[in-house]
Every structure is written in C-alpha cells, then in structure tokens.
Amino acid sequence: MLVFQGKNLFRFLNSKRKDQAVSKNTYYRFLNETSYNWSRFLLLLAVKVTTAFHSLTRPERVKVLVLDDSVIKCNRSKAVELLARIYDHVEHKYQKGFTLLTLGWSDGYCFIPTGFNMLSSAEKNNRYQELSDTIDHRTI
C-alpha cells in the first residue's frame, strides 16, 4: 500500500490514516521474518491487482507477460554474497553486480511484477564472493 501511495512507513504512521495501522514493530517483524514465502506472497498480490485492473480496462486491450533481465550494479560493493562479474548488454561491458530476472504482467499501460530472481554468474571464476557457510540457506 505504501508503494502505491508514494509514502514510507514513518509518514504513514504519522498520517491521518494511522488508525488503520498496527504498531511499527509489527511491520518490521513481518519484513524481517525469513520463513515467509515472499515469492508466493508477491504472486498472490499480483493476481489480486491484475484482477482489479482487468475489471477497469476494456476487454480488447492486449495483455502480455514480459520477461526482463536487468543488471543490478554493485560497483562499490566488496563482500556481498554471490557478487559476480556480469555482462551488461545495454552498455556492452562487464559490471560488478547481479542479473535481476523479472516476470511481469502488462496491458501496455502498466507493469505489475509477478515474480523475480536475482542471479549470479554460473562460472566460478566470475564470482567475487562465494556463499557464506554461516547462513542457513534452507529458508525461503
């Protein structure tokens, strides 16, 4: 909700709608919980939003799924897990960062992300940092 309103959590909690909000700690606990299935949450949210958009648009409007691979640059980073040397097809040079693979729904006017993955390089010699052994990687 905050993204669509263009507000941050601090502004929302101090607005006239603060009676609709729960405490700030509840939001932070929700965002920091590692056991939530965030990809399923994003998909269910996208289904709700696209269903609402479908009822607002004409039926003859073309709807498509868009697959995008953008480069997330992290040129100043050093110790980020799985940081890699990625080829940027837009600038035609290698960048330090990740590939963000996004699947989204579009009707030509708006774009709604339905899923995403951040990818590192498959080649070991292109990775600057390997996986950490101190983190439990079984969580969603």
C-alpha atoms as a PDB file:
ATOM      1  CA  MET A   1       0.000   0.000   0.000  1.00  0.00           C
ATOM      2  CA  LEU A   2       2.804   2.407   0.833  1.00  0.00           C
ATOM      3  CA  VAL A   3       4.486   1.924  -2.539  1.00  0.00           C
ATOM      4  CA  PHE A   4       1.300   2.850  -4.393  1.00  0.00           C
ATOM      5  CA  GLN A   5       0.817   5.936  -2.199  1.00  0.00           C
ATOM      6  CA  GLY A   6       4.439   7.034  -2.566  1.00  0.00           C
ATOM      7  CA  LYS A   7       4.954   7.156   1.211  1.00  0.00           C
ATOM      8  CA  ASN A   8       7.350   5.485   3.589  1.00  0.00           C
ATOM      9  CA  LEU A   9       6.365   3.738   6.823  1.00  0.00           C
ATOM     10  CA  PHE A  10       7.264   6.742   9.013  1.00  0.00           C
ATOM     11  CA  ARG A  11       4.992   9.077   7.025  1.00  0.00           C
ATOM     12  CA  PHE A  12       2.140   6.546   7.079  1.00  0.00           C
ATOM     13  CA  LEU A  13       2.323   6.076  10.852  1.00  0.00           C
ATOM     14  CA  ASN A  14       2.184   9.862  11.325  1.00  0.00           C
ATOM     15  CA  SER A  15      -0.629  10.478   8.816  1.00  0.00           C
ATOM     16  CA  LYS A  16      -4.367  10.848   9.360  1.00  0.00           C
ATOM     17  CA  ARG A  17      -4.754   7.138   8.441  1.00  0.00           C
ATOM     18  CA  LYS A  18      -2.709   5.954  11.418  1.00  0.00           C
ATOM     19  CA  ASP A  19      -5.864   4.497  12.999  1.00  0.00           C
ATOM     20  CA  GLN A  20      -5.754   1.813  10.248  1.00  0.00           C
ATOM     21  CA  ALA A  21      -2.158   0.889  11.094  1.00  0.00           C
ATOM     22  CA  VAL A  22      -0.725  -1.562  13.579  1.00  0.00           C
ATOM     23  CA  SER A  23       2.425  -0.792  15.545  1.00  0.00           C
ATOM     24  CA  LYS A  24       5.728  -0.112  13.812  1.00  0.00           C
ATOM     25  CA  ASN A  25       7.304  -3.212  15.381  1.00  0.00           C
ATOM     26  CA  THR A  26       4.658  -5.424  13.728  1.00  0.00           C
ATOM     27  CA  TYR A  27       5.665  -4.166  10.289  1.00  0.00           C
ATOM     28  CA  TYR A  28       9.375  -4.671  10.986  1.00  0.00           C
ATOM     29  CA  ARG A  29       8.847  -8.188  12.350  1.00  0.00           C
ATOM     30  CA  PHE A  30       6.852  -9.043   9.220  1.00  0.00           C
ATOM     31  CA  LEU A  31       9.556  -7.727   6.882  1.00  0.00           C
ATOM     32  CA  ASN A  32      12.421  -9.393   8.774  1.00  0.00           C
ATOM     33  CA  GLU A  33      10.814 -12.835   9.051  1.00  0.00           C
ATOM     34  CA  THR A  34      12.762 -15.298   6.884  1.00  0.00           C
ATOM     35  CA  SER A  35      10.216 -18.108   6.931  1.00  0.00           C
ATOM     36  CA  TYR A  36       7.586 -16.258   4.862  1.00  0.00           C
ATOM     37  CA  ASN A  37       7.246 -17.375   1.276  1.00  0.00           C
ATOM     38  CA  TRP A  38       7.794 -13.965  -0.329  1.00  0.00           C
ATOM     39  CA  SER A  39       7.541 -15.229  -3.910  1.00  0.00           C
ATOM     40  CA  ARG A  40       4.106 -16.724  -3.195  1.00  0.00           C
ATOM     41  CA  PHE A  41       3.054 -13.504  -1.450  1.00  0.00           C
ATOM     42  CA  LEU A  42       4.139 -11.446  -4.474  1.00  0.00           C
ATOM     43  CA  LEU A  43       2.325 -13.785  -6.866  1.00  0.00           C
ATOM     44  CA  LEU A  44      -0.930 -13.672  -4.859  1.00  0.00           C
ATOM     45  CA  LEU A  45      -0.693  -9.872  -4.624  1.00  0.00           C
ATOM     46  CA  ALA A  46      -0.106  -9.642  -8.387  1.00  0.00           C
ATOM     47  CA  VAL A  47      -3.153 -11.831  -9.035  1.00  0.00           C
ATOM     48  CA  LYS A  48      -5.342  -9.532  -6.924  1.00  0.00           C
ATOM     49  CA  VAL A  49      -4.030  -6.380  -8.610  1.00  0.00           C
ATOM     50  CA  THR A  50      -4.283  -7.743 -12.154  1.00  0.00           C
ATOM     51  CA  THR A  51      -7.831  -8.931 -11.458  1.00  0.00           C
ATOM     52  CA  ALA A  52      -8.749  -5.430 -10.304  1.00  0.00           C
ATOM     53  CA  PHE A  53      -7.090  -3.908 -13.396  1.00  0.00           C
ATOM     54  CA  HIS A  54      -8.907  -6.390 -15.643  1.00  0.00           C
ATOM     55  CA  SER A  55     -12.264  -5.116 -14.417  1.00  0.00           C
ATOM     56  CA  LEU A  56     -11.207  -1.498 -15.072  1.00  0.00           C
ATOM     57  CA  THR A  57      -9.945  -1.935 -18.650  1.00  0.00           C
ATOM     58  CA  ARG A  58     -11.645  -2.761 -21.923  1.00  0.00           C
ATOM     59  CA  PRO A  59     -11.616  -6.452 -22.916  1.00  0.00           C
ATOM     60  CA  GLU A  60      -9.947  -5.760 -26.284  1.00  0.00           C
ATOM     61  CA  ARG A  61      -6.819  -4.387 -24.624  1.00  0.00           C
ATOM     62  CA  VAL A  62      -3.905  -6.765 -25.206  1.00  0.00           C
ATOM     63  CA  LYS A  63      -2.393  -8.274 -22.060  1.00  0.00           C
ATOM     64  CA  VAL A  64       1.080  -9.831 -22.082  1.00  0.00           C
ATOM     65  CA  LEU A  65       3.677 -11.425 -19.823  1.00  0.00           C
ATOM     66  CA  VAL A  66       7.030  -9.650 -20.000  1.00  0.00           C
ATOM     67  CA  LEU A  67      10.356 -11.300 -19.165  1.00  0.00           C
ATOM     68  CA  ASP A  68      13.121  -8.804 -18.367  1.00  0.00           C
ATOM     69  CA  ASP A  69      16.767  -9.356 -17.436  1.00  0.00           C
ATOM     70  CA  SER A  70      18.246  -6.191 -15.975  1.00  0.00           C
ATOM     71  CA  VAL A  71      21.658  -5.752 -14.405  1.00  0.00           C
ATOM     72  CA  ILE A  72      21.779  -4.582 -10.797  1.00  0.00           C
ATOM     73  CA  LYS A  73      25.097  -2.749 -10.496  1.00  0.00           C
ATOM     74  CA  CYS A  74      27.038  -3.010  -7.235  1.00  0.00           C
ATOM     75  CA  ASN A  75      30.278  -1.383  -8.358  1.00  0.00           C
ATOM     76  CA  ARG A  76      31.245  -0.186  -4.867  1.00  0.00           C
ATOM     77  CA  SER A  77      30.455  -3.464  -3.087  1.00  0.00           C
ATOM     78  CA  LYS A  78      33.113  -5.917  -1.962  1.00  0.00           C
ATOM     79  CA  ALA A  79      31.779  -8.570   0.418  1.00  0.00           C
ATOM     80  CA  VAL A  80      28.264  -9.214  -0.913  1.00  0.00           C
ATOM     81  CA  GLU A  81      27.348 -12.895  -1.085  1.00  0.00           C
ATOM     82  CA  LEU A  82      27.500 -14.248  -4.695  1.00  0.00           C
ATOM     83  CA  LEU A  83      28.595 -10.864  -6.093  1.00  0.00           C
ATOM     84  CA  ALA A  84      29.743 -11.519  -9.656  1.00  0.00           C
ATOM     85  CA  ARG A  85      31.116 -10.057 -12.836  1.00  0.00           C
ATOM     86  CA  ILE A  86      28.031  -9.758 -15.112  1.00  0.00           C
ATOM     87  CA  TYR A  87      27.938  -8.731 -18.772  1.00  0.00           C
ATOM     88  CA  ASP A  88      25.630  -5.743 -19.339  1.00  0.00           C
ATOM     89  CA  HIS A  89      24.094  -5.980 -22.822  1.00  0.00           C
ATOM     90  CA  VAL A  90      22.996  -2.324 -22.727  1.00  0.00           C
ATOM     91  CA  GLU A  91      26.421  -0.808 -22.020  1.00  0.00           C
ATOM     92  CA  HIS A  92      28.345  -3.673 -23.701  1.00  0.00           C
ATOM     93  CA  LYS A  93      30.758  -4.130 -20.818  1.00  0.00           C
ATOM     94  CA  TYR A  94      31.144  -6.165 -17.644  1.00  0.00           C
ATOM     95  CA  GLN A  95      29.691  -4.818 -14.397  1.00  0.00           C
ATOM     96  CA  LYS A  96      30.057  -5.913 -10.801  1.00  0.00           C
ATOM     97  CA  GLY A  97      26.600  -6.973  -9.595  1.00  0.00           C
ATOM     98  CA  PHE A  98      23.691  -9.317 -10.258  1.00  0.00           C
ATOM     99  CA  THR A  99      21.202 -10.104 -13.009  1.00  0.00           C
ATOM    100  CA  LEU A 100      17.614  -9.367 -11.987  1.00  0.00           C
ATOM    101  CA  LEU A 101      15.283 -11.673 -13.906  1.00  0.00           C
ATOM    102  CA  THR A 102      11.713 -10.348 -13.665  1.00  0.00           C
ATOM    103  CA  LEU A 103       8.451 -11.777 -14.940  1.00  0.00           C
ATOM    104  CA  GLY A 104       5.642  -9.261 -15.110  1.00  0.00           C
ATOM    105  CA  TRP A 105       2.141  -8.700 -16.422  1.00  0.00           C
ATOM    106  CA  SER A 106       1.409  -5.702 -18.624  1.00  0.00           C
ATOM    107  CA  ASP A 107      -1.535  -4.307 -20.526  1.00  0.00           C
ATOM    108  CA  GLY A 108       0.567  -1.786 -22.425  1.00  0.00           C
ATOM    109  CA  TYR A 109      -0.074   0.955 -19.888  1.00  0.00           C
ATOM    110  CA  CYS A 110       1.016  -0.514 -16.545  1.00  0.00           C
ATOM    111  CA  PHE A 111       3.505  -3.180 -15.446  1.00  0.00           C
ATOM    112  CA  ILE A 112       2.931  -5.474 -12.456  1.00  0.00           C
ATOM    113  CA  PRO A 113       5.808  -7.737 -11.372  1.00  0.00           C
ATOM    114  CA  THR A 114       4.641 -11.287 -10.708  1.00  0.00           C
ATOM    115  CA  GLY A 115       7.967 -12.868  -9.822  1.00  0.00           C
ATOM    116  CA  PHE A 116      11.680 -12.190  -9.772  1.00  0.00           C
ATOM    117  CA  ASN A 117      15.046 -13.818  -9.110  1.00  0.00           C
ATOM    118  CA  MET A 118      18.438 -12.282  -8.545  1.00  0.00           C
ATOM    119  CA  LEU A 119      21.023 -14.316 -10.407  1.00  0.00           C
ATOM    120  CA  SER A 120      24.767 -14.552 -10.037  1.00  0.00           C
ATOM    121  CA  SER A 121      27.238 -15.904 -12.552  1.00  0.00           C
ATOM    122  CA  ALA A 122      27.303 -19.657 -13.146  1.00  0.00           C
ATOM    123  CA  GLU A 123      31.055 -19.514 -13.734  1.00  0.00           C
ATOM    124  CA  LYS A 124      33.008 -19.702 -10.509  1.00  0.00           C
ATOM    125  CA  ASN A 125      35.876 -17.521 -11.781  1.00  0.00           C
ATOM    126  CA  ASN A 126      33.393 -14.637 -12.403  1.00  0.00           C
ATOM    127  CA  ARG A 127      32.172 -14.585  -8.789  1.00  0.00           C
ATOM    128  CA  TYR A 128      33.886 -12.238  -6.358  1.00  0.00           C
ATOM    129  CA  GLN A 129      32.290 -13.719  -3.247  1.00  0.00           C
ATOM    130  CA  GLU A 130      31.032 -17.278  -2.654  1.00  0.00           C
ATOM    131  CA  LEU A 131      28.163 -18.487  -0.458  1.00  0.00           C
ATOM    132  CA  SER A 132      28.548 -17.970   3.257  1.00  0.00           C
ATOM    133  CA  ASP A 133      28.696 -21.104   5.405  1.00  0.00           C
ATOM    134  CA  THR A 134      27.310 -19.286   8.464  1.00  0.00           C
ATOM    135  CA  ILE A 135      23.833 -18.707   6.958  1.00  0.00           C
ATOM    136  CA  ASP A 136      21.119 -21.365   6.833  1.00  0.00           C
ATOM    137  CA  HIS A 137      20.177 -21.459   3.128  1.00  0.00           C
ATOM    138  CA  ARG A 138      17.092 -23.656   3.614  1.00  0.00           C
ATOM    139  CA  THR A 139      14.809 -20.708   4.383  1.00  0.00           C
ATOM    140  CA  ILE A 140      12.541 -19.221   1.761  1.00  0.00           C
END
